[in-house]
Amino acid sequence: MISLDVDLGDRSYPILIGSGLLEQSALLQPWIKGQRVLIVSNEVVAPLYLDALCKALPDLRVDTIVLPDGEHTKTLDTVNLIYDRLLEQRHDRGTTLIALGGGVTGDITGFAAATYQRGVNFIQVPTTLLAQVDSSVGGKTGVNHPLGKNMIGAFYQPQCVLADIATLRTLPERELSAGLAEVIKYGLLGNAGFFDWLEDKMPGLRQQDPVLLSEAVRICCEEKARIVALDEKESGIRALLNLGHTFGHAIESVMGYGKWLHGEAVGAGMVMAVDLSWRLGWLSEKDAWRARQLIGEAGLPVCPPADMSAEDFLRLMAVDKKVENGRIRLVLLRALGDAVIETEFRPELLQQTLTAGDGLCRN
């Protein structure tokens, strides 16, 4: 097992990474402060892992709730279902919520924990690659709104993150690829050596080699933990983690939440960010195409939806959380492994990227 720390002073917590961790009760017990637990899962993950997690929590009063699956369920109505269960079972401020599932489950559970009785403890047990390498770490919680993704939420840190690599064995191929988008993101934004490693190891990662997956999760979590420790509430460097997301969130909003997986939208969004970086003269054509090729080899879309217009993008990007003083902020690349947050770019170059008549984003 690998143990990493997210250093946030008195709110620091460990990330535990390994295979077969879910059934080891000694790992979770130190992070459960009271005697009561509510496990929040979904209808896909619960049949696979809920019983094992319950058995790993002996001598505790464990309640469960199984939610519908999918990005379209990431709403305040779904959070209300968690509140209902907590109140029906008379959970108090000493309870601990455990999120068992992917990024949607983790975000919803964390938001419920942040707001139930003004804050109760919670633990992340991510079962998808995307959640293990990114969304379970860092304390971003929340839900979607019809006008924008993740527009309602809170920064609220877990007590612990337990990433059991063995749970990835049941991950559908499409979900694995979605997770690889967030893995590639770390290679593009700050670790050129990791990008080179991914170019070499992508076939093995797609074949779910457990050693390679463990290494990828470790590297991504180390980088995420370092950035969160420096900038917990995204006032500076943490915004770099949004590489491809401003474009991607627009795709999700237009297509309808869940039609494109989050990682798929981020994959296409990263190609768009790379394309604009190339048009600005920052990235060489060779490196731009290397990035596009790696994203495609991960099984991800490399083009936005054909029926999505530049106007669709601009309308939704204008209400993205990263907008500052009315200006769209984009994470762009000065080189592979060297990302910057930029508001000053020529509008006509962005327009060219959005229309995708040439360049990297064309089909």
Protein backbone atom coordinates (compact mmCIF):
# COMPACT_ATOMS: atom_id res chain seq x y z
CA MET A 1 0.00 0.00 0.00
CA ILE A 2 1.10 3.55 -0.77
CA SER A 3 0.17 6.35 1.63
CA LEU A 4 0.29 10.01 0.58
CA ASP A 5 -0.66 13.07 2.61
CA VAL A 6 -2.64 16.14 1.60
CA ASP A 7 -0.98 18.75 3.81
CA LEU A 8 -3.64 21.18 5.02
CA GLY A 9 -2.55 21.70 8.61
CA ASP A 10 -5.14 20.43 11.07
CA ARG A 11 -7.32 19.31 8.12
CA SER A 12 -4.63 17.13 6.55
CA TYR A 13 -5.61 13.64 5.47
CA PRO A 14 -4.11 10.54 3.86
CA ILE A 15 -4.64 9.05 0.42
CA LEU A 16 -4.28 5.26 0.64
CA ILE A 17 -3.56 3.50 -2.67
CA GLY A 18 -3.33 -0.25 -3.19
CA SER A 19 -5.16 -3.42 -4.18
CA GLY A 20 -7.61 -5.17 -1.86
CA LEU A 21 -7.85 -2.24 0.56
CA LEU A 22 -11.65 -2.16 0.63
CA GLU A 23 -11.91 -5.19 2.88
CA GLN A 24 -9.28 -4.09 5.41
CA SER A 25 -11.26 -2.62 8.29
CA ALA A 26 -8.16 -1.36 10.08
CA LEU A 27 -7.57 1.19 7.33
CA LEU A 28 -10.87 3.04 7.72
CA GLN A 29 -11.48 2.75 11.46
CA PRO A 30 -9.07 5.54 12.55
CA TRP A 31 -10.90 8.06 10.35
CA ILE A 32 -14.40 7.34 11.66
CA LYS A 33 -14.86 9.49 14.76
CA GLY A 34 -18.27 8.37 15.98
CA GLN A 35 -20.26 5.13 16.03
CA ARG A 36 -22.54 5.81 13.08
CA VAL A 37 -21.95 5.68 9.35
CA LEU A 38 -24.02 6.29 6.24
CA ILE A 39 -22.58 4.73 3.10
CA VAL A 40 -23.72 6.47 -0.07
CA SER A 41 -23.39 4.43 -3.26
CA ASN A 42 -25.17 4.00 -6.57
CA GLU A 43 -27.08 1.24 -8.31
CA VAL A 44 -24.06 0.16 -10.39
CA VAL A 45 -21.38 0.08 -7.68
CA ALA A 46 -23.47 -1.09 -4.71
CA PRO A 47 -24.05 -4.66 -5.98
CA LEU A 48 -20.30 -5.04 -6.46
CA TYR A 49 -18.76 -3.53 -3.35
CA LEU A 50 -21.32 -2.40 -0.78
CA ASP A 51 -21.38 -5.67 1.17
CA ALA A 52 -17.59 -5.79 1.38
CA LEU A 53 -17.45 -2.25 2.73
CA CYS A 54 -20.16 -2.94 5.30
CA LYS A 55 -18.26 -5.99 6.53
CA ALA A 56 -15.14 -3.87 6.89
CA LEU A 57 -16.94 -1.70 9.45
CA PRO A 58 -17.66 -4.04 12.38
CA ASP A 59 -18.99 -2.68 15.68
CA LEU A 60 -20.47 0.37 13.96
CA ARG A 61 -24.07 1.18 13.16
CA VAL A 62 -24.03 1.30 9.37
CA ASP A 63 -26.88 2.67 7.27
CA THR A 64 -26.83 2.74 3.47
CA ILE A 65 -28.46 4.55 0.59
CA VAL A 66 -28.23 3.49 -3.04
CA LEU A 67 -28.77 6.31 -5.52
CA PRO A 68 -29.47 6.25 -9.27
CA ASP A 69 -26.35 6.32 -11.42
CA GLY A 70 -25.22 8.93 -13.89
CA GLU A 71 -24.16 12.56 -14.28
CA HIS A 72 -27.79 13.60 -14.78
CA THR A 73 -28.46 12.65 -11.12
CA LYS A 74 -25.91 15.16 -9.80
CA THR A 75 -28.60 17.54 -8.56
CA LEU A 76 -29.97 19.08 -5.39
CA ASP A 77 -32.90 16.65 -5.60
CA THR A 78 -30.47 13.75 -5.22
CA VAL A 79 -28.71 15.45 -2.31
CA ASN A 80 -32.13 15.74 -0.67
CA LEU A 81 -32.43 11.95 -0.79
CA ILE A 82 -29.29 11.74 1.36
CA TYR A 83 -30.65 14.34 3.78
CA ASP A 84 -33.90 12.35 4.01
CA ARG A 85 -32.04 9.17 4.96
CA LEU A 86 -29.87 10.96 7.51
CA LEU A 87 -32.89 12.55 9.17
CA GLU A 88 -35.06 9.44 9.02
CA GLN A 89 -32.32 7.45 10.77
CA ARG A 90 -31.60 10.33 13.20
CA HIS A 91 -27.96 10.79 12.34
CA ASP A 92 -26.33 13.55 14.38
CA ARG A 93 -23.16 15.61 14.02
CA GLY A 94 -21.05 12.63 15.07
CA THR A 95 -21.90 10.61 11.98
CA THR A 96 -19.56 9.88 9.07
CA LEU A 97 -20.65 9.72 5.44
CA ILE A 98 -18.72 7.37 3.15
CA ALA A 99 -18.87 7.90 -0.62
CA LEU A 100 -18.56 4.55 -2.44
CA GLY A 101 -18.51 5.13 -6.18
CA GLY A 102 -17.22 7.44 -8.88
CA GLY A 103 -16.93 11.18 -9.14
CA VAL A 104 -20.65 11.89 -9.08
CA THR A 105 -21.17 9.90 -5.89
CA GLY A 106 -18.16 11.53 -4.27
CA ASP A 107 -19.21 15.07 -5.19
CA ILE A 108 -22.80 14.57 -4.02
CA THR A 109 -21.81 12.86 -0.77
CA GLY A 110 -19.21 15.50 0.01
CA PHE A 111 -21.72 18.29 -0.54
CA ALA A 112 -24.26 16.53 1.70
CA ALA A 113 -21.56 16.14 4.37
CA ALA A 114 -20.58 19.80 4.09
CA THR A 115 -24.15 20.98 4.64
CA TYR A 116 -25.83 18.41 6.92
CA GLN A 117 -26.08 20.02 10.35
CA ARG A 118 -23.46 22.50 9.07
CA GLY A 119 -20.85 19.85 8.50
CA VAL A 120 -20.15 16.20 9.32
CA ASN A 121 -17.16 14.03 8.52
CA PHE A 122 -16.89 12.06 5.30
CA ILE A 123 -14.57 9.57 3.63
CA GLN A 124 -13.96 9.00 -0.07
CA VAL A 125 -13.80 5.41 -1.42
CA PRO A 126 -13.50 6.06 -5.19
CA THR A 127 -14.15 3.12 -7.51
CA THR A 128 -13.43 4.73 -10.90
CA LEU A 129 -10.08 5.79 -12.32
CA LEU A 130 -11.29 9.35 -12.79
CA ALA A 131 -12.30 9.61 -9.14
CA GLN A 132 -9.13 7.93 -7.87
CA VAL A 133 -6.75 10.23 -9.74
CA ASP A 134 -8.68 13.48 -9.41
CA SER A 135 -12.15 14.15 -8.07
CA SER A 136 -11.83 12.32 -4.73
CA VAL A 137 -8.81 14.42 -3.72
CA GLY A 138 -8.96 18.10 -2.89
CA GLY A 139 -12.36 18.69 -1.34
CA LYS A 140 -14.35 19.97 -4.29
CA THR A 141 -17.96 18.97 -3.71
CA GLY A 142 -21.18 20.00 -5.39
CA VAL A 143 -23.91 19.50 -7.93
CA ASN A 144 -24.79 20.66 -11.42
CA HIS A 145 -27.29 23.29 -12.50
CA PRO A 146 -29.06 23.28 -15.88
CA LEU A 147 -27.12 26.43 -16.78
CA GLY A 148 -23.70 25.21 -15.68
CA LYS A 149 -21.72 22.27 -14.33
CA ASN A 150 -20.68 22.24 -10.66
CA MET A 151 -22.06 25.73 -10.10
CA ILE A 152 -23.45 24.85 -6.64
CA GLY A 153 -20.98 23.43 -4.14
CA ALA A 154 -18.44 23.86 -1.39
CA PHE A 155 -14.79 23.19 -0.65
CA TYR A 156 -14.96 20.48 2.03
CA GLN A 157 -12.12 18.07 2.69
CA PRO A 158 -12.59 14.35 3.47
CA GLN A 159 -11.03 12.60 6.46
CA CYS A 160 -9.40 10.02 4.22
CA VAL A 161 -9.31 8.79 0.61
CA LEU A 162 -9.07 5.02 0.08
CA ALA A 163 -8.31 4.13 -3.55
CA ASP A 164 -8.59 0.37 -4.07
CA ILE A 165 -7.07 -0.38 -7.46
CA ALA A 166 -8.87 -3.76 -7.49
CA THR A 167 -12.21 -1.98 -8.02
CA LEU A 168 -11.02 -0.88 -11.46
CA ARG A 169 -11.31 -4.48 -12.70
CA THR A 170 -15.07 -4.03 -13.06
CA LEU A 171 -14.77 -0.66 -14.81
CA PRO A 172 -16.23 -0.59 -18.34
CA GLU A 173 -13.76 0.32 -21.07
CA ARG A 174 -15.48 3.64 -21.76
CA GLU A 175 -15.25 4.64 -18.08
CA LEU A 176 -11.58 3.67 -17.99
CA SER A 177 -10.89 5.93 -20.97
CA ALA A 178 -12.76 8.75 -19.26
CA GLY A 179 -10.44 8.39 -16.29
CA LEU A 180 -7.39 8.42 -18.54
CA ALA A 181 -8.35 11.94 -19.61
CA GLU A 182 -7.59 13.20 -16.11
CA VAL A 183 -4.40 11.13 -16.04
CA ILE A 184 -3.17 12.70 -19.29
CA LYS A 185 -4.06 16.12 -17.89
CA TYR A 186 -1.31 15.81 -15.27
CA GLY A 187 1.24 14.97 -17.95
CA LEU A 188 0.25 18.00 -20.00
CA LEU A 189 0.04 20.61 -17.28
CA GLY A 190 3.13 20.04 -15.16
CA ASN A 191 5.01 16.79 -15.69
CA ALA A 192 6.53 16.31 -19.13
CA GLY A 193 8.31 13.16 -17.95
CA PHE A 194 4.98 11.66 -17.01
CA PHE A 195 3.64 12.56 -20.45
CA ASP A 196 6.52 10.61 -22.03
CA TRP A 197 5.77 7.68 -19.70
CA LEU A 198 2.11 7.73 -20.75
CA GLU A 199 3.05 7.63 -24.43
CA ASP A 200 4.96 4.43 -23.72
CA LYS A 201 2.52 2.81 -21.28
CA MET A 202 -0.88 3.72 -22.75
CA PRO A 203 -1.52 0.24 -24.25
CA GLY A 204 -0.88 -1.38 -20.87
CA LEU A 205 -3.04 1.13 -19.05
CA ARG A 206 -5.94 0.46 -21.41
CA GLN A 207 -5.47 -3.27 -20.76
CA GLN A 208 -5.82 -2.48 -17.03
CA ASP A 209 -2.36 -3.59 -15.98
CA PRO A 210 -2.63 -3.21 -12.18
CA VAL A 211 1.01 -2.20 -11.70
CA LEU A 212 0.76 0.55 -14.30
CA LEU A 213 -2.59 1.74 -12.97
CA SER A 214 -1.21 1.93 -9.42
CA GLU A 215 1.73 3.97 -10.65
CA ALA A 216 -0.51 6.32 -12.62
CA VAL A 217 -2.81 6.84 -9.61
CA ARG A 218 0.19 7.48 -7.35
CA ILE A 219 1.75 10.08 -9.65
CA CYS A 220 -1.54 11.90 -10.22
CA CYS A 221 -2.44 11.93 -6.52
CA GLU A 222 1.02 13.20 -5.58
CA GLU A 223 0.63 16.08 -8.00
CA LYS A 224 -2.95 16.83 -6.95
CA ALA A 225 -2.00 16.73 -3.24
CA ARG A 226 0.91 19.11 -3.85
CA ILE A 227 -1.26 21.62 -5.71
CA VAL A 228 -4.15 21.46 -3.21
CA ALA A 229 -1.74 22.03 -0.31
CA LEU A 230 -0.51 25.20 -2.05
CA ASP A 231 -3.93 26.50 -3.12
CA GLU A 232 -6.87 24.78 -1.46
CA LYS A 233 -9.64 27.06 -2.74
CA GLU A 234 -8.43 27.64 -6.29
CA SER A 235 -7.33 31.24 -5.98
CA GLY A 236 -4.16 30.60 -8.00
CA ILE A 237 -2.18 27.56 -9.10
CA ARG A 238 -5.02 25.06 -8.52
CA ALA A 239 -6.88 26.56 -11.47
CA LEU A 240 -4.30 24.83 -13.70
CA LEU A 241 -6.13 21.57 -12.92
CA ASN A 242 -8.96 22.88 -15.11
CA LEU A 243 -7.00 22.19 -18.31
CA GLY A 244 -9.61 21.32 -20.94
CA HIS A 245 -12.47 21.72 -18.48
CA THR A 246 -13.87 25.07 -19.62
CA PHE A 247 -14.36 23.66 -23.11
CA GLY A 248 -15.43 20.30 -21.67
CA HIS A 249 -18.06 21.70 -19.33
CA ALA A 250 -19.63 23.53 -22.26
CA ILE A 251 -19.82 20.25 -24.18
CA GLU A 252 -21.50 18.50 -21.23
CA SER A 253 -24.03 21.30 -20.82
CA VAL A 254 -25.02 21.39 -24.49
CA MET A 255 -25.14 17.63 -24.97
CA GLY A 256 -26.99 17.00 -21.70
CA TYR A 257 -25.26 15.70 -18.59
CA GLY A 258 -24.30 12.08 -19.05
CA LYS A 259 -24.50 11.91 -22.85
CA TRP A 260 -20.76 12.52 -22.95
CA LEU A 261 -18.88 11.26 -19.91
CA HIS A 262 -17.02 13.98 -18.06
CA GLY A 263 -13.65 12.55 -19.07
CA GLU A 264 -14.72 12.34 -22.71
CA ALA A 265 -15.66 16.01 -22.71
CA VAL A 266 -12.38 16.89 -20.98
CA GLY A 267 -10.47 14.86 -23.59
CA ALA A 268 -11.95 16.87 -26.44
CA GLY A 269 -11.55 20.04 -24.37
CA MET A 270 -7.84 19.38 -23.88
CA VAL A 271 -7.38 19.00 -27.63
CA MET A 272 -9.10 22.37 -28.04
CA ALA A 273 -6.79 23.93 -25.45
CA VAL A 274 -3.78 22.42 -27.23
CA ASP A 275 -5.09 23.70 -30.56
CA LEU A 276 -5.39 27.26 -29.26
CA SER A 277 -1.93 27.03 -27.67
CA TRP A 278 -0.55 25.99 -31.06
CA ARG A 279 -2.36 28.85 -32.84
CA LEU A 280 -0.82 31.27 -30.32
CA GLY A 281 2.61 30.02 -31.36
CA TRP A 282 3.41 28.51 -27.96
CA LEU A 283 3.33 24.82 -28.86
CA SER A 284 5.15 23.37 -31.82
CA GLU A 285 3.02 21.55 -34.35
CA LYS A 286 4.86 18.32 -33.48
CA ASP A 287 4.08 18.57 -29.76
CA ALA A 288 0.49 19.61 -30.44
CA TRP A 289 -0.07 16.50 -32.53
CA ARG A 290 1.68 14.34 -29.90
CA ALA A 291 -0.89 15.52 -27.37
CA ARG A 292 -3.79 14.91 -29.73
CA GLN A 293 -2.50 11.44 -30.57
CA LEU A 294 -2.12 10.41 -26.91
CA ILE A 295 -5.65 11.58 -26.11
CA GLY A 296 -6.97 9.58 -29.07
CA GLU A 297 -4.96 6.49 -28.07
CA ALA A 298 -6.65 6.64 -24.68
CA GLY A 299 -9.96 6.01 -26.44
CA LEU A 300 -11.18 9.58 -26.04
CA PRO A 301 -12.86 11.97 -28.48
CA VAL A 302 -10.42 14.43 -30.05
CA CYS A 303 -13.10 16.66 -31.59
CA PRO A 304 -16.07 18.50 -30.09
CA PRO A 305 -19.60 17.49 -31.15
CA ALA A 306 -20.11 18.28 -34.82
CA ASP A 307 -23.42 20.05 -34.16
CA MET A 308 -22.02 22.35 -31.46
CA SER A 309 -21.43 25.90 -32.69
CA ALA A 310 -18.88 28.49 -31.63
CA GLU A 311 -21.80 30.48 -30.22
CA ASP A 312 -22.77 27.50 -28.03
CA PHE A 313 -19.26 27.38 -26.61
CA LEU A 314 -18.95 31.11 -26.00
CA ARG A 315 -22.38 31.36 -24.33
CA LEU A 316 -21.57 28.62 -21.84
CA MET A 317 -17.91 29.50 -21.33
CA ALA A 318 -19.07 32.99 -20.31
CA VAL A 319 -20.85 31.57 -17.23
CA ASP A 320 -18.14 29.07 -16.29
CA LYS A 321 -16.76 29.29 -12.74
CA LYS A 322 -13.35 30.24 -14.12
CA VAL A 323 -14.66 33.52 -15.61
CA GLU A 324 -13.07 36.50 -13.83
CA ASN A 325 -14.30 40.08 -14.22
CA GLY A 326 -16.18 39.07 -17.33
CA ARG A 327 -13.12 37.51 -18.98
CA ILE A 328 -12.90 33.86 -19.95
CA ARG A 329 -9.89 32.25 -18.27
CA LEU A 330 -8.37 29.31 -20.08
CA VAL A 331 -5.59 26.94 -19.11
CA LEU A 332 -3.22 26.81 -22.06
CA LEU A 333 0.20 25.27 -22.73
CA ARG A 334 3.48 27.05 -23.38
CA ALA A 335 5.05 23.60 -23.75
CA LEU A 336 4.16 20.02 -22.88
CA GLY A 337 4.28 20.01 -19.08
CA ASP A 338 4.12 23.82 -18.81
CA ALA A 339 0.60 25.17 -18.34
CA VAL A 340 -0.48 28.76 -17.72
CA ILE A 341 -3.76 30.49 -16.89
CA GLU A 342 -4.52 33.00 -19.61
CA THR A 343 -7.15 35.66 -20.24
CA GLU A 344 -5.28 37.60 -22.93
CA PHE A 345 -5.66 35.79 -26.23
CA ARG A 346 -6.77 37.03 -29.60
CA PRO A 347 -10.53 36.43 -29.99
CA GLU A 348 -10.14 35.45 -33.63
CA LEU A 349 -7.78 32.60 -32.66
CA LEU A 350 -10.26 31.28 -30.12
CA GLN A 351 -12.95 31.54 -32.80
CA GLN A 352 -10.79 29.45 -35.14
CA THR A 353 -10.39 26.76 -32.49
CA LEU A 354 -14.14 26.73 -31.83
CA THR A 355 -15.09 26.45 -35.49
CA ALA A 356 -12.47 23.72 -36.02
CA GLY A 357 -12.21 24.32 -39.76
CA ASP A 358 -8.59 23.28 -39.62
CA GLY A 359 -6.02 22.48 -36.98
CA LEU A 360 -6.20 19.73 -34.38
CA CYS A 361 -9.94 19.73 -33.70
CA ARG A 362 -11.07 18.71 -37.17
CA ASN A 363 -12.54 15.28 -37.73
